[in-house]
Amino acid sequence: MRIFDTATWRQIAILEGHTNYVNAISLSPNNRLLASASYDKTARLWNLDTNLPVGPPLQHGEDLSSVALSPNGKVLSHCL
């Protein structure tokens, strides 16, 4: 996934890890965490201060179609 500064439209980061299409993303209210769901059957949580994953990917048996972070950023949910 590529992250851009919307003021300049310059790319500021690449979040590498998913091995197939990313179907959904969700930002925490403070814009410091990003959750992603993919056809690679994983959900991932990213720290946007470091542009690194937070822990290992969450593995599933099927493709994931959506992801959401709770308002406080402490709960991640996703749907198959």
PDB file of N, CA and C in Angstrom:
ATOM      1  N   MET A   1       0.844  -1.158   0.000  1.00  0.00           N
ATOM      2  CA  MET A   1       0.000   0.000   0.000  1.00  0.00           C
ATOM      3  C   MET A   1       0.897   1.231   0.000  1.00  0.00           C
ATOM      4  N   ARG A   2       0.474   2.237  -0.690  1.00  0.00           N
ATOM      5  CA  ARG A   2       1.238   3.481  -0.761  1.00  0.00           C
ATOM      6  C   ARG A   2       0.513   4.562   0.031  1.00  0.00           C
ATOM      7  N   ILE A   3       1.271   5.323   0.776  1.00  0.00           N
ATOM      8  CA  ILE A   3       0.729   6.406   1.601  1.00  0.00           C
ATOM      9  C   ILE A   3       1.203   7.730   1.004  1.00  0.00           C
ATOM     10  N   PHE A   4       0.277   8.678   0.846  1.00  0.00           N
ATOM     11  CA  PHE A   4       0.588   9.962   0.246  1.00  0.00           C
ATOM     12  C   PHE A   4       0.249  11.111   1.185  1.00  0.00           C
ATOM     13  N   ASP A   5       1.025  12.175   1.101  1.00  0.00           N
ATOM     14  CA  ASP A   5       0.729  13.437   1.778  1.00  0.00           C
ATOM     15  C   ASP A   5      -0.287  14.163   0.900  1.00  0.00           C
ATOM     16  N   THR A   6      -1.487  14.400   1.401  1.00  0.00           N
ATOM     17  CA  THR A   6      -2.530  14.994   0.563  1.00  0.00           C
ATOM     18  C   THR A   6      -2.313  16.475   0.287  1.00  0.00           C
ATOM     19  N   ALA A   7      -1.448  17.128   1.014  1.00  0.00           N
ATOM     20  CA  ALA A   7      -1.142  18.527   0.721  1.00  0.00           C
ATOM     21  C   ALA A   7      -0.262  18.657  -0.521  1.00  0.00           C
ATOM     22  N   THR A   8       0.634  17.680  -0.711  1.00  0.00           N
ATOM     23  CA  THR A   8       1.581  17.745  -1.833  1.00  0.00           C
ATOM     24  C   THR A   8       1.400  16.620  -2.842  1.00  0.00           C
ATOM     25  N   TRP A   9       0.640  15.587  -2.478  1.00  0.00           N
ATOM     26  CA  TRP A   9       0.453  14.366  -3.255  1.00  0.00           C
ATOM     27  C   TRP A   9       1.772  13.633  -3.493  1.00  0.00           C
ATOM     28  N   ARG A  10       2.729  13.870  -2.617  1.00  0.00           N
ATOM     29  CA  ARG A  10       3.987  13.124  -2.655  1.00  0.00           C
ATOM     30  C   ARG A  10       3.827  11.837  -1.864  1.00  0.00           C
ATOM     31  N   GLN A  11       4.379  10.761  -2.410  1.00  0.00           N
ATOM     32  CA  GLN A  11       4.370   9.489  -1.691  1.00  0.00           C
ATOM     33  C   GLN A  11       5.306   9.602  -0.503  1.00  0.00           C
ATOM     34  N   ILE A  12       4.810   9.200   0.674  1.00  0.00           N
ATOM     35  CA  ILE A  12       5.646   9.303   1.879  1.00  0.00           C
ATOM     36  C   ILE A  12       5.974   7.936   2.474  1.00  0.00           C
ATOM     37  N   ALA A  13       5.301   6.884   2.013  1.00  0.00           N
ATOM     38  CA  ALA A  13       5.595   5.555   2.560  1.00  0.00           C
ATOM     39  C   ALA A  13       5.006   4.472   1.665  1.00  0.00           C
ATOM     40  N   ILE A  14       5.583   3.286   1.784  1.00  0.00           N
ATOM     41  CA  ILE A  14       5.028   2.070   1.194  1.00  0.00           C
ATOM     42  C   ILE A  14       4.917   1.053   2.321  1.00  0.00           C
ATOM     43  N   LEU A  15       3.721   0.532   2.515  1.00  0.00           N
ATOM     44  CA  LEU A  15       3.491  -0.494   3.531  1.00  0.00           C
ATOM     45  C   LEU A  15       3.488  -1.838   2.820  1.00  0.00           C
ATOM     46  N   GLU A  16       4.539  -2.614   3.027  1.00  0.00           N
ATOM     47  CA  GLU A  16       4.689  -3.888   2.337  1.00  0.00           C
ATOM     48  C   GLU A  16       4.343  -5.046   3.262  1.00  0.00           C
ATOM     49  N   GLY A  17       3.680  -6.047   2.702  1.00  0.00           N
ATOM     50  CA  GLY A  17       3.367  -7.219   3.506  1.00  0.00           C
ATOM     51  C   GLY A  17       2.274  -8.066   2.894  1.00  0.00           C
ATOM     52  N   HIS A  18       1.195  -7.442   2.402  1.00  0.00           N
ATOM     53  CA  HIS A  18       0.135  -8.220   1.765  1.00  0.00           C
ATOM     54  C   HIS A  18       0.659  -8.811   0.461  1.00  0.00           C
ATOM     55  N   THR A  19       0.181 -10.011   0.135  1.00  0.00           N
ATOM     56  CA  THR A  19       0.626 -10.689  -1.074  1.00  0.00           C
ATOM     57  C   THR A  19      -0.462 -10.763  -2.143  1.00  0.00           C
ATOM     58  N   ASN A  20      -1.599 -10.113  -1.896  1.00  0.00           N
ATOM     59  CA  ASN A  20      -2.690 -10.060  -2.865  1.00  0.00           C
ATOM     60  C   ASN A  20      -3.398  -8.721  -2.677  1.00  0.00           C
ATOM     61  N   TYR A  21      -4.477  -8.505  -3.423  1.00  0.00           N
ATOM     62  CA  TYR A  21      -5.187  -7.233  -3.379  1.00  0.00           C
ATOM     63  C   TYR A  21      -5.641  -6.876  -1.972  1.00  0.00           C
ATOM     64  N   VAL A  22      -5.516  -5.598  -1.619  1.00  0.00           N
ATOM     65  CA  VAL A  22      -6.063  -5.064  -0.373  1.00  0.00           C
ATOM     66  C   VAL A  22      -7.473  -4.580  -0.685  1.00  0.00           C
ATOM     67  N   ASN A  23      -8.454  -5.111   0.042  1.00  0.00           N
ATOM     68  CA  ASN A  23      -9.863  -4.796  -0.210  1.00  0.00           C
ATOM     69  C   ASN A  23     -10.391  -3.644   0.613  1.00  0.00           C
ATOM     70  N   ALA A  24      -9.812  -3.438   1.790  1.00  0.00           N
ATOM     71  CA  ALA A  24     -10.369  -2.427   2.686  1.00  0.00           C
ATOM     72  C   ALA A  24      -9.293  -1.925   3.633  1.00  0.00           C
ATOM     73  N   ILE A  25      -9.435  -0.663   4.015  1.00  0.00           N
ATOM     74  CA  ILE A  25      -8.575  -0.091   5.044  1.00  0.00           C
ATOM     75  C   ILE A  25      -9.436   0.703   6.016  1.00  0.00           C
ATOM     76  N   SER A  26      -8.898   0.924   7.205  1.00  0.00           N
ATOM     77  CA  SER A  26      -9.568   1.728   8.215  1.00  0.00           C
ATOM     78  C   SER A  26      -8.501   2.461   9.008  1.00  0.00           C
ATOM     79  N   LEU A  27      -8.696   3.759   9.215  1.00  0.00           N
ATOM     80  CA  LEU A  27      -7.770   4.574   9.997  1.00  0.00           C
ATOM     81  C   LEU A  27      -8.308   4.774  11.402  1.00  0.00           C
ATOM     82  N   SER A  28      -7.408   4.793  12.372  1.00  0.00           N
ATOM     83  CA  SER A  28      -7.805   5.137  13.735  1.00  0.00           C
ATOM     84  C   SER A  28      -8.107   6.630  13.785  1.00  0.00           C
ATOM     85  N   PRO A  29      -8.916   7.067  14.747  1.00  0.00           N
ATOM     86  CA  PRO A  29      -9.266   8.488  14.832  1.00  0.00           C
ATOM     87  C   PRO A  29      -8.057   9.428  14.960  1.00  0.00           C
ATOM     88  N   ASN A  30      -6.978   8.957  15.561  1.00  0.00           N
ATOM     89  CA  ASN A  30      -5.798   9.817  15.695  1.00  0.00           C
ATOM     90  C   ASN A  30      -4.847   9.688  14.499  1.00  0.00           C
ATOM     91  N   ASN A  31      -5.242   8.913  13.482  1.00  0.00           N
ATOM     92  CA  ASN A  31      -4.466   8.719  12.252  1.00  0.00           C
ATOM     93  C   ASN A  31      -3.095   8.094  12.480  1.00  0.00           C
ATOM     94  N   ARG A  32      -2.920   7.367  13.553  1.00  0.00           N
ATOM     95  CA  ARG A  32      -1.633   6.729  13.838  1.00  0.00           C
ATOM     96  C   ARG A  32      -1.624   5.246  13.512  1.00  0.00           C
ATOM     97  N   LEU A  33      -2.813   4.635  13.404  1.00  0.00           N
ATOM     98  CA  LEU A  33      -2.925   3.212  13.066  1.00  0.00           C
ATOM     99  C   LEU A  33      -3.775   3.052  11.813  1.00  0.00           C
ATOM    100  N   LEU A  34      -3.398   2.087  10.994  1.00  0.00           N
ATOM    101  CA  LEU A  34      -4.171   1.742   9.818  1.00  0.00           C
ATOM    102  C   LEU A  34      -4.369   0.232   9.835  1.00  0.00           C
ATOM    103  N   ALA A  35      -5.595  -0.201   9.639  1.00  0.00           N
ATOM    104  CA  ALA A  35      -5.899  -1.628   9.529  1.00  0.00           C
ATOM    105  C   ALA A  35      -6.187  -1.924   8.067  1.00  0.00           C
ATOM    106  N   SER A  36      -5.768  -3.097   7.595  1.00  0.00           N
ATOM    107  CA  SER A  36      -6.010  -3.474   6.204  1.00  0.00           C
ATOM    108  C   SER A  36      -6.494  -4.922   6.142  1.00  0.00           C
ATOM    109  N   ALA A  37      -7.357  -5.194   5.147  1.00  0.00           N
ATOM    110  CA  ALA A  37      -7.880  -6.539   4.898  1.00  0.00           C
ATOM    111  C   ALA A  37      -7.598  -6.873   3.448  1.00  0.00           C
ATOM    112  N   SER A  38      -7.240  -8.147   3.183  1.00  0.00           N
ATOM    113  CA  SER A  38      -6.765  -8.498   1.857  1.00  0.00           C
ATOM    114  C   SER A  38      -7.296  -9.843   1.377  1.00  0.00           C
ATOM    115  N   TYR A  39      -7.211 -10.031   0.045  1.00  0.00           N
ATOM    116  CA  TYR A  39      -7.480 -11.328  -0.564  1.00  0.00           C
ATOM    117  C   TYR A  39      -6.399 -12.348  -0.242  1.00  0.00           C
ATOM    118  N   ASP A  40      -5.321 -11.930   0.434  1.00  0.00           N
ATOM    119  CA  ASP A  40      -4.316 -12.925   0.841  1.00  0.00           C
ATOM    120  C   ASP A  40      -4.712 -13.630   2.136  1.00  0.00           C
ATOM    121  N   LYS A  41      -5.956 -13.402   2.570  1.00  0.00           N
ATOM    122  CA  LYS A  41      -6.542 -14.050   3.749  1.00  0.00           C
ATOM    123  C   LYS A  41      -5.920 -13.574   5.054  1.00  0.00           C
ATOM    124  N   THR A  42      -5.469 -12.302   5.056  1.00  0.00           N
ATOM    125  CA  THR A  42      -4.928 -11.717   6.284  1.00  0.00           C
ATOM    126  C   THR A  42      -5.512 -10.332   6.524  1.00  0.00           C
ATOM    127  N   ALA A  43      -5.546  -9.984   7.795  1.00  0.00           N
ATOM    128  CA  ALA A  43      -5.784  -8.601   8.224  1.00  0.00           C
ATOM    129  C   ALA A  43      -4.480  -8.161   8.878  1.00  0.00           C
ATOM    130  N   ARG A  44      -4.131  -6.905   8.678  1.00  0.00           N
ATOM    131  CA  ARG A  44      -2.891  -6.375   9.254  1.00  0.00           C
ATOM    132  C   ARG A  44      -3.180  -5.048   9.915  1.00  0.00           C
ATOM    133  N   LEU A  45      -2.374  -4.757  10.921  1.00  0.00           N
ATOM    134  CA  LEU A  45      -2.432  -3.478  11.609  1.00  0.00           C
ATOM    135  C   LEU A  45      -1.076  -2.808  11.433  1.00  0.00           C
ATOM    136  N   TRP A  46      -1.098  -1.535  11.052  1.00  0.00           N
ATOM    137  CA  TRP A  46       0.122  -0.789  10.731  1.00  0.00           C
ATOM    138  C   TRP A  46       0.265   0.425  11.629  1.00  0.00           C
ATOM    139  N   ASN A  47       1.479   0.709  12.043  1.00  0.00           N
ATOM    140  CA  ASN A  47       1.810   1.917  12.790  1.00  0.00           C
ATOM    141  C   ASN A  47       2.246   2.957  11.765  1.00  0.00           C
ATOM    142  N   LEU A  48       1.480   4.032  11.606  1.00  0.00           N
ATOM    143  CA  LEU A  48       1.800   5.031  10.595  1.00  0.00           C
ATOM    144  C   LEU A  48       2.892   5.999  11.038  1.00  0.00           C
ATOM    145  N   ASP A  49       3.322   5.925  12.300  1.00  0.00           N
ATOM    146  CA  ASP A  49       4.478   6.714  12.737  1.00  0.00           C
ATOM    147  C   ASP A  49       5.771   6.072  12.248  1.00  0.00           C
ATOM    148  N   THR A  50       5.795   4.724  12.206  1.00  0.00           N
ATOM    149  CA  THR A  50       6.997   3.994  11.802  1.00  0.00           C
ATOM    150  C   THR A  50       6.848   3.333  10.429  1.00  0.00           C
ATOM    151  N   ASN A  51       5.600   3.254   9.926  1.00  0.00           N
ATOM    152  CA  ASN A  51       5.272   2.558   8.668  1.00  0.00           C
ATOM    153  C   ASN A  51       5.627   1.075   8.722  1.00  0.00           C
ATOM    154  N   LEU A  52       5.501   0.498   9.911  1.00  0.00           N
ATOM    155  CA  LEU A  52       5.766  -0.919  10.119  1.00  0.00           C
ATOM    156  C   LEU A  52       4.527  -1.616  10.655  1.00  0.00           C
ATOM    157  N   PRO A  53       4.424  -2.943  10.418  1.00  0.00           N
ATOM    158  CA  PRO A  53       3.282  -3.669  10.971  1.00  0.00           C
ATOM    159  C   PRO A  53       3.340  -3.732  12.490  1.00  0.00           C
ATOM    160  N   VAL A  54       2.173  -3.785  13.090  1.00  0.00           N
ATOM    161  CA  VAL A  54       2.050  -3.981  14.536  1.00  0.00           C
ATOM    162  C   VAL A  54       1.751  -5.464  14.727  1.00  0.00           C
ATOM    163  N   GLY A  55       2.734  -6.231  15.078  1.00  0.00           N
ATOM    164  CA  GLY A  55       2.552  -7.663  15.268  1.00  0.00           C
ATOM    165  C   GLY A  55       2.439  -8.408  13.952  1.00  0.00           C
ATOM    166  N   PRO A  56       2.243  -9.721  14.046  1.00  0.00           N
ATOM    167  CA  PRO A  56       2.121 -10.551  12.841  1.00  0.00           C
ATOM    168  C   PRO A  56       0.747 -10.369  12.196  1.00  0.00           C
ATOM    169  N   PRO A  57       0.609 -10.764  10.918  1.00  0.00           N
ATOM    170  CA  PRO A  57      -0.703 -10.686  10.278  1.00  0.00           C
ATOM    171  C   PRO A  57      -1.696 -11.632  10.950  1.00  0.00           C
ATOM    172  N   LEU A  58      -2.955 -11.256  10.940  1.00  0.00           N
ATOM    173  CA  LEU A  58      -4.026 -12.108  11.461  1.00  0.00           C
ATOM    174  C   LEU A  58      -4.480 -13.017  10.321  1.00  0.00           C
ATOM    175  N   GLN A  59      -4.212 -14.311  10.441  1.00  0.00           N
ATOM    176  CA  GLN A  59      -4.488 -15.280   9.388  1.00  0.00           C
ATOM    177  C   GLN A  59      -5.939 -15.758   9.437  1.00  0.00           C
ATOM    178  N   HIS A  60      -6.515 -15.983   8.237  1.00  0.00           N
ATOM    179  CA  HIS A  60      -7.881 -16.495   8.120  1.00  0.00           C
ATOM    180  C   HIS A  60      -7.940 -17.520   7.011  1.00  0.00           C
ATOM    181  N   GLY A  61      -8.989 -18.299   6.970  1.00  0.00           N
ATOM    182  CA  GLY A  61      -9.146 -19.327   5.956  1.00  0.00           C
ATOM    183  C   GLY A  61      -9.760 -18.836   4.664  1.00  0.00           C
ATOM    184  N   GLU A  62     -10.271 -17.606   4.665  1.00  0.00           N
ATOM    185  CA  GLU A  62     -10.933 -17.059   3.478  1.00  0.00           C
ATOM    186  C   GLU A  62     -10.482 -15.623   3.245  1.00  0.00           C
ATOM    187  N   ASP A  63     -10.754 -15.139   2.029  1.00  0.00           N
ATOM    188  CA  ASP A  63     -10.455 -13.744   1.703  1.00  0.00           C
ATOM    189  C   ASP A  63     -11.239 -12.820   2.621  1.00  0.00           C
ATOM    190  N   LEU A  64     -10.647 -11.694   2.958  1.00  0.00           N
ATOM    191  CA  LEU A  64     -11.318 -10.710   3.811  1.00  0.00           C
ATOM    192  C   LEU A  64     -11.829  -9.553   2.969  1.00  0.00           C
ATOM    193  N   SER A  65     -13.041  -9.089   3.263  1.00  0.00           N
ATOM    194  CA  SER A  65     -13.651  -8.043   2.435  1.00  0.00           C
ATOM    195  C   SER A  65     -13.795  -6.702   3.131  1.00  0.00           C
ATOM    196  N   SER A  66     -13.664  -6.668   4.463  1.00  0.00           N
ATOM    197  CA  SER A  66     -13.793  -5.388   5.154  1.00  0.00           C
ATOM    198  C   SER A  66     -13.007  -5.425   6.457  1.00  0.00           C
ATOM    199  N   VAL A  67     -12.738  -4.227   6.975  1.00  0.00           N
ATOM    200  CA  VAL A  67     -12.005  -4.097   8.228  1.00  0.00           C
ATOM    201  C   VAL A  67     -12.427  -2.781   8.879  1.00  0.00           C
ATOM    202  N   ALA A  68     -12.426  -2.760  10.210  1.00  0.00           N
ATOM    203  CA  ALA A  68     -12.782  -1.536  10.926  1.00  0.00           C
ATOM    204  C   ALA A  68     -12.039  -1.492  12.256  1.00  0.00           C
ATOM    205  N   LEU A  69     -11.642  -0.294  12.628  1.00  0.00           N
ATOM    206  CA  LEU A  69     -11.045  -0.051  13.943  1.00  0.00           C
ATOM    207  C   LEU A  69     -12.067   0.634  14.824  1.00  0.00           C
ATOM    208  N   SER A  70     -12.072   0.301  16.099  1.00  0.00           N
ATOM    209  CA  SER A  70     -12.965   0.964  17.046  1.00  0.00           C
ATOM    210  C   SER A  70     -12.515   2.422  17.219  1.00  0.00           C
ATOM    211  N   PRO A  71     -13.391   3.283  17.750  1.00  0.00           N
ATOM    212  CA  PRO A  71     -13.032   4.692  17.919  1.00  0.00           C
ATOM    213  C   PRO A  71     -11.755   4.923  18.743  1.00  0.00           C
ATOM    214  N   ASN A  72     -11.463   4.039  19.696  1.00  0.00           N
ATOM    215  CA  ASN A  72     -10.243   4.226  20.488  1.00  0.00           C
ATOM    216  C   ASN A  72      -9.056   3.488  19.880  1.00  0.00           C
ATOM    217  N   GLY A  73      -9.248   2.792  18.748  1.00  0.00           N
ATOM    218  CA  GLY A  73      -8.169   2.100  18.074  1.00  0.00           C
ATOM    219  C   GLY A  73      -7.711   0.817  18.754  1.00  0.00           C
ATOM    220  N   LYS A  74      -8.471   0.342  19.739  1.00  0.00           N
ATOM    221  CA  LYS A  74      -8.046  -0.836  20.496  1.00  0.00           C
ATOM    222  C   LYS A  74      -8.698  -2.137  20.037  1.00  0.00           C
ATOM    223  N   VAL A  75      -9.729  -2.041  19.185  1.00  0.00           N
ATOM    224  CA  VAL A  75     -10.419  -3.239  18.708  1.00  0.00           C
ATOM    225  C   VAL A  75     -10.449  -3.199  17.184  1.00  0.00           C
ATOM    226  N   LEU A  76     -10.062  -4.332  16.583  1.00  0.00           N
ATOM    227  CA  LEU A  76     -10.067  -4.496  15.132  1.00  0.00           C
ATOM    228  C   LEU A  76     -11.105  -5.554  14.782  1.00  0.00           C
ATOM    229  N   SER A  77     -11.981  -5.260  13.836  1.00  0.00           N
ATOM    230  CA  SER A  77     -12.941  -6.261  13.370  1.00  0.00           C
ATOM    231  C   SER A  77     -12.850  -6.342  11.858  1.00  0.00           C
ATOM    232  N   HIS A  78     -13.262  -7.496  11.329  1.00  0.00           N
ATOM    233  CA  HIS A  78     -13.213  -7.694   9.884  1.00  0.00           C
ATOM    234  C   HIS A  78     -14.277  -8.699   9.508  1.00  0.00           C
ATOM    235  N   CYS A  79     -14.618  -8.704   8.209  1.00  0.00           N
ATOM    236  CA  CYS A  79     -15.624  -9.626   7.699  1.00  0.00           C
ATOM    237  C   CYS A  79     -15.053 -10.425   6.548  1.00  0.00           C
ATOM    238  N   LEU A  80     -15.536 -11.647   6.438  1.00  0.00           N
ATOM    239  CA  LEU A  80     -15.136 -12.519   5.329  1.00  0.00           C
ATOM    240  C   LEU A  80     -15.913 -12.158   4.092  1.00  0.00           C
TER     241      LEU A  80
END
